[in-house]
Amino acid sequence: MTTGQRVHDAHRHLGVLPAFPFYGGPPVNPDTTARATIAELRADLDREGTECALVIPNYGVPDPTASFALNELVVEAAQTDERIRAGLWTSPRPQDAAATDEALALAGERGVSALKLSFLLGGRVTDVACRPQLDAIFGAAREHGLVVHVHTSPGAASDLDEVGLLVEEYADDVAVHLVHMGGGMSGHIKLIGQKFFAWVAAGKRVYTDTSWAIGFAPRWFAAEIERHGIGHDRVLFASDQPWGDFAGEHARLAAATGDGELADLVFRRNFEQLHQLT
């Protein structure tokens, strides 16, 4: 699929994960478009017409070692193709502290643009045992001028109520990208209707993308941007390949933003500003 317009992808993955028996079923690989090699990734970018992409290690199985092992691959990808920026996999969990330290040692490598943080495999924002890792992750982002990507989803430790605390604490001087626009019905309504515009107005460096968003949310977000008169520079297109679908994500956001200034910002210029391409 070629979109016919210049597109930057603010969030996608590289790497193939082992099959896993999710939810008590047989071992499966639901991420059917996962790419194992840089060459396969580059072919996808060519086919889509994607001019630049932030690429993060694939994750989803409850063993973070597979994702940590892909950090060097995404750095290599960024140093192989100027269209690619690398996001490093990190973890707030104390049992992953040594692996996170190794990941953060790559933060100054050429092509690294972000640090990925998720609580889906455990840990909580409010857990004091996670505090040293969180401070180290945001400290490295501050030192190297990187964006911190934080997964949002309904329920448990990745609910917006908890990850929003990271915006409150760290986003004065570190760019925080809340992936999936809150991650579900409750997250969308909390983010768009309560928190996002208040954070922007307060000077927080907060960003989001529309991957995985329920159908109403991108349209509502675009309407609220117009109503508030702020936030147009804080929303980005993301495919979340292979867990998302490039064509579907693109169509949803294009329908919400039209073909004017807002579309140009979310599909291209906001990425260029955030990841310092210009």
Protein backbone atom coordinates (compact mmCIF):
# COMPACT_ATOMS: atom_id res chain seq x y z
CA MET A 1 0.00 0.00 0.00
CA THR A 2 1.27 3.44 -0.91
CA THR A 3 -0.59 6.30 0.74
CA GLY A 4 0.26 8.96 -1.82
CA GLN A 5 1.42 11.39 0.86
CA ARG A 6 4.56 11.79 2.91
CA VAL A 7 4.13 9.70 6.05
CA HIS A 8 6.26 9.25 9.14
CA ASP A 9 5.44 6.34 11.47
CA ALA A 10 5.95 7.15 15.15
CA HIS A 11 5.73 3.61 16.50
CA ARG A 12 6.36 0.19 14.95
CA HIS A 13 8.33 -2.92 15.85
CA LEU A 14 11.10 -5.15 14.56
CA GLY A 15 11.82 -8.76 15.49
CA VAL A 16 10.06 -12.12 15.65
CA LEU A 17 9.00 -13.46 19.03
CA PRO A 18 8.70 -17.11 20.10
CA ALA A 19 5.24 -18.67 20.00
CA PHE A 20 3.44 -18.45 23.33
CA PRO A 21 0.36 -20.19 24.84
CA PHE A 22 -1.60 -17.00 25.53
CA TYR A 23 -4.62 -17.28 27.85
CA GLY A 24 -4.18 -21.02 28.34
CA GLY A 25 -4.41 -21.88 24.63
CA PRO A 26 -1.86 -23.51 22.34
CA PRO A 27 1.37 -21.67 21.45
CA VAL A 28 0.61 -19.08 18.75
CA ASN A 29 2.23 -16.18 16.87
CA PRO A 30 -0.63 -13.68 16.42
CA ASP A 31 1.69 -10.96 15.07
CA THR A 32 1.66 -12.43 11.58
CA THR A 33 3.46 -9.51 9.89
CA ALA A 34 6.40 -9.48 12.31
CA ARG A 35 9.70 -8.88 10.53
CA ALA A 36 12.91 -10.63 11.52
CA THR A 37 15.37 -8.66 9.41
CA ILE A 38 16.27 -5.10 8.54
CA ALA A 39 15.84 -5.93 4.85
CA GLU A 40 12.22 -6.99 5.43
CA LEU A 41 11.54 -3.81 7.40
CA ARG A 42 13.03 -1.65 4.66
CA ALA A 43 10.88 -3.42 2.07
CA ASP A 44 7.79 -2.58 4.14
CA LEU A 45 8.78 1.09 4.31
CA ASP A 46 9.29 1.12 0.54
CA ARG A 47 5.90 -0.46 -0.13
CA GLU A 48 4.05 1.87 2.26
CA GLY A 49 5.81 5.03 1.19
CA THR A 50 6.90 5.61 4.80
CA GLU A 51 9.65 8.23 4.78
CA CYS A 52 10.77 7.79 8.40
CA ALA A 53 9.85 5.44 11.24
CA LEU A 54 10.61 4.95 14.91
CA VAL A 55 11.35 1.24 15.28
CA ILE A 56 11.16 -0.52 18.66
CA PRO A 57 11.93 -4.15 19.59
CA ASN A 58 8.89 -6.38 19.28
CA TYR A 59 7.34 -7.46 22.56
CA GLY A 60 4.21 -9.17 23.83
CA VAL A 61 5.30 -12.49 25.33
CA PRO A 62 5.83 -12.46 29.11
CA ASP A 63 9.60 -12.91 28.80
CA PRO A 64 11.36 -9.56 28.34
CA THR A 65 14.69 -11.16 27.45
CA ALA A 66 13.45 -11.61 23.87
CA SER A 67 12.80 -7.87 23.56
CA PHE A 68 16.01 -6.79 25.28
CA ALA A 69 17.89 -9.02 22.83
CA LEU A 70 16.49 -6.99 19.91
CA ASN A 71 17.89 -3.64 21.06
CA GLU A 72 21.10 -4.02 19.10
CA LEU A 73 19.11 -4.97 15.99
CA VAL A 74 17.03 -1.78 16.06
CA VAL A 75 20.18 0.30 16.58
CA GLU A 76 21.77 -1.45 13.61
CA ALA A 77 18.63 -0.73 11.57
CA ALA A 78 18.85 2.97 12.41
CA GLN A 79 22.50 3.07 11.44
CA THR A 80 21.80 1.19 8.20
CA ASP A 81 18.94 3.29 6.84
CA GLU A 82 18.47 7.02 7.45
CA ARG A 83 14.70 6.55 7.37
CA ILE A 84 14.84 4.59 10.64
CA ARG A 85 15.12 5.86 14.21
CA ALA A 86 15.65 3.35 17.05
CA GLY A 87 13.65 3.05 20.25
CA LEU A 88 15.30 0.92 22.94
CA TRP A 89 13.38 -1.57 25.06
CA THR A 90 13.67 -0.86 28.80
CA SER A 91 11.84 -2.10 31.88
CA PRO A 92 10.79 -0.60 35.22
CA ARG A 93 10.90 -3.98 36.96
CA PRO A 94 13.67 -4.46 39.55
CA GLN A 95 14.43 -7.95 38.24
CA ASP A 96 15.26 -6.36 34.87
CA ALA A 97 17.56 -3.69 36.30
CA ALA A 98 20.77 -5.11 34.87
CA ALA A 99 19.24 -5.57 31.40
CA THR A 100 17.84 -2.04 31.52
CA ASP A 101 21.27 -0.69 32.41
CA GLU A 102 22.69 -2.47 29.35
CA ALA A 103 19.94 -0.96 27.21
CA LEU A 104 20.58 2.54 28.54
CA ALA A 105 24.27 2.15 27.68
CA LEU A 106 23.11 2.30 24.04
CA ALA A 107 21.16 5.53 24.55
CA GLY A 108 23.89 7.69 23.05
CA GLU A 109 24.32 5.59 19.92
CA ARG A 110 23.74 7.25 16.57
CA GLY A 111 20.14 6.83 15.44
CA VAL A 112 18.62 6.23 18.88
CA SER A 113 15.63 8.50 19.39
CA ALA A 114 13.47 6.94 22.10
CA LEU A 115 13.23 4.63 25.11
CA LYS A 116 10.28 2.23 25.37
CA LEU A 117 8.63 1.64 28.75
CA SER A 118 5.74 -0.73 29.49
CA PHE A 119 4.15 -2.11 32.63
CA LEU A 120 2.30 -4.89 30.80
CA LEU A 121 4.85 -7.46 31.99
CA GLY A 122 4.76 -6.24 35.59
CA GLY A 123 5.69 -3.42 37.90
CA ARG A 124 3.71 -0.31 38.75
CA VAL A 125 4.40 3.40 38.58
CA THR A 126 3.70 3.64 42.31
CA ASP A 127 5.89 0.65 43.30
CA VAL A 128 8.96 1.98 45.12
CA ALA A 129 10.96 -0.98 43.75
CA CYS A 130 10.44 0.43 40.23
CA ARG A 131 11.60 3.92 41.15
CA PRO A 132 15.37 3.43 40.54
CA GLN A 133 14.70 2.07 37.04
CA LEU A 134 12.20 4.83 36.23
CA ASP A 135 14.63 7.51 37.39
CA ALA A 136 17.40 5.92 35.32
CA ILE A 137 15.23 5.68 32.18
CA PHE A 138 14.01 9.25 32.36
CA GLY A 139 17.47 10.43 33.37
CA ALA A 140 18.98 8.87 30.26
CA ALA A 141 16.23 10.40 28.13
CA ARG A 142 16.94 13.82 29.63
CA GLU A 143 20.69 13.46 29.09
CA HIS A 144 20.44 12.36 25.47
CA GLY A 145 17.35 14.28 24.40
CA LEU A 146 15.25 11.15 23.85
CA VAL A 147 11.50 10.55 23.90
CA VAL A 148 10.09 8.09 26.45
CA HIS A 149 7.37 5.88 24.95
CA VAL A 150 4.90 4.62 27.57
CA HIS A 151 2.32 1.96 26.76
CA THR A 152 -1.24 2.77 27.85
CA SER A 153 -4.08 0.27 28.10
CA PRO A 154 -7.19 -0.14 30.21
CA GLY A 155 -6.78 -1.78 33.58
CA ALA A 156 -3.85 -2.82 35.78
CA ALA A 157 -0.61 -0.87 35.97
CA SER A 158 -0.75 0.52 32.44
CA ASP A 159 -4.04 2.34 32.94
CA LEU A 160 -3.85 6.06 32.21
CA ASP A 161 -4.44 6.90 35.87
CA GLU A 162 -1.09 5.34 36.73
CA VAL A 163 1.03 6.15 33.69
CA GLY A 164 -0.30 9.70 33.86
CA LEU A 165 1.72 10.06 37.02
CA LEU A 166 4.84 9.79 34.86
CA VAL A 167 3.67 12.83 32.89
CA GLU A 168 3.13 14.74 36.11
CA GLU A 169 6.59 13.87 37.44
CA TYR A 170 8.87 13.79 34.42
CA ALA A 171 7.32 15.62 31.47
CA ASP A 172 8.44 19.11 32.41
CA ASP A 173 11.76 18.42 30.69
CA VAL A 174 11.38 14.99 29.04
CA ALA A 175 9.09 14.27 26.10
CA VAL A 176 6.59 11.55 27.09
CA HIS A 177 4.73 9.76 24.28
CA LEU A 178 1.59 8.03 25.58
CA VAL A 179 1.14 5.18 23.12
CA HIS A 180 -2.39 4.17 21.99
CA MET A 181 -4.11 7.41 23.12
CA GLY A 182 -5.01 5.96 26.51
CA GLY A 183 -5.54 2.44 25.23
CA GLY A 184 -9.31 1.91 25.27
CA MET A 185 -12.67 3.47 26.04
CA SER A 186 -11.86 4.65 29.55
CA GLY A 187 -8.38 5.77 28.54
CA HIS A 188 -9.64 7.73 25.53
CA ILE A 189 -12.25 9.55 27.58
CA LYS A 190 -9.84 10.30 30.43
CA LEU A 191 -7.10 11.48 28.08
CA ILE A 192 -9.14 13.54 25.63
CA GLY A 193 -11.86 14.73 27.97
CA GLN A 194 -9.80 15.40 31.10
CA LYS A 195 -6.03 15.19 31.06
CA PHE A 196 -4.33 15.82 27.71
CA PHE A 197 -5.22 19.44 27.10
CA ALA A 198 -4.65 20.31 30.76
CA TRP A 199 -1.15 18.85 30.52
CA VAL A 200 -0.40 20.74 27.31
CA ALA A 201 -1.69 23.98 28.82
CA ALA A 202 0.50 23.37 31.88
CA GLY A 203 3.59 23.10 29.67
CA LYS A 204 4.06 19.32 29.93
CA ARG A 205 5.94 17.74 27.02
CA VAL A 206 3.25 15.14 26.36
CA TYR A 207 2.47 13.44 23.02
CA THR A 208 0.23 10.62 21.85
CA ASP A 209 -0.69 8.56 18.80
CA THR A 210 -3.91 7.06 17.51
CA SER A 211 -2.83 3.43 17.06
CA TRP A 212 -5.37 0.94 18.47
CA ALA A 213 -7.82 3.79 19.04
CA ILE A 214 -11.54 2.99 19.06
CA GLY A 215 -13.24 4.51 16.03
CA PHE A 216 -14.75 7.58 17.68
CA ALA A 217 -11.56 8.70 19.43
CA PRO A 218 -9.45 10.20 16.59
CA ARG A 219 -12.42 12.22 15.34
CA TRP A 220 -13.20 13.46 18.83
CA PHE A 221 -9.55 14.31 19.43
CA ALA A 222 -9.40 16.34 16.21
CA ALA A 223 -12.56 18.22 17.22
CA GLU A 224 -11.17 18.94 20.69
CA ILE A 225 -7.91 20.21 19.23
CA GLU A 226 -9.91 22.70 17.20
CA ARG A 227 -12.05 23.66 20.19
CA HIS A 228 -9.13 24.13 22.59
CA GLY A 229 -6.80 25.68 20.03
CA ILE A 230 -3.87 23.62 21.36
CA GLY A 231 -2.56 20.07 20.97
CA HIS A 232 -2.26 20.09 17.18
CA ASP A 233 1.51 19.68 17.56
CA ARG A 234 1.28 16.72 19.98
CA VAL A 235 -0.49 13.94 18.02
CA LEU A 236 1.30 11.55 15.67
CA PHE A 237 0.49 8.78 13.24
CA ALA A 238 1.64 5.31 14.32
CA SER A 239 1.02 1.95 12.71
CA ASP A 240 2.20 -0.29 15.59
CA GLN A 241 3.13 -2.91 12.99
CA PRO A 242 2.92 -5.90 13.44
CA TRP A 243 0.33 -5.53 16.22
CA GLY A 244 -1.46 -2.78 14.33
CA ASP A 245 -2.29 -2.50 10.65
CA PHE A 246 -0.68 0.26 8.61
CA ALA A 247 -3.52 0.66 6.10
CA GLY A 248 -6.23 0.64 8.75
CA GLU A 249 -4.45 3.00 11.11
CA HIS A 250 -3.68 5.39 8.26
CA ALA A 251 -7.26 5.39 6.98
CA ARG A 252 -8.73 6.05 10.43
CA LEU A 253 -6.49 9.01 11.16
CA ALA A 254 -6.79 10.43 7.63
CA ALA A 255 -10.57 10.38 7.95
CA ALA A 256 -10.35 12.26 11.25
CA THR A 257 -7.88 14.94 10.13
CA GLY A 258 -8.84 15.56 6.50
CA ASP A 259 -6.24 16.88 4.06
CA GLY A 260 -5.27 20.25 5.55
CA GLU A 261 -2.83 21.59 8.11
CA LEU A 262 -3.72 19.13 10.89
CA ALA A 263 -3.14 16.15 8.62
CA ASP A 264 0.26 17.48 7.58
CA LEU A 265 1.19 17.88 11.24
CA VAL A 266 0.10 14.45 12.48
CA PHE A 267 1.41 12.48 9.51
CA ARG A 268 4.74 14.26 9.12
CA ARG A 269 5.74 17.52 10.78
CA ASN A 270 5.10 16.59 14.42
CA PHE A 271 7.36 13.56 14.00
CA GLU A 272 10.06 15.71 12.42
CA GLN A 273 9.95 18.16 15.33
CA LEU A 274 9.78 15.54 18.10
CA HIS A 275 12.55 13.36 16.68
CA GLN A 276 14.66 16.34 15.61
CA LEU A 277 14.71 15.66 11.87
CA THR A 278 14.64 19.38 11.06
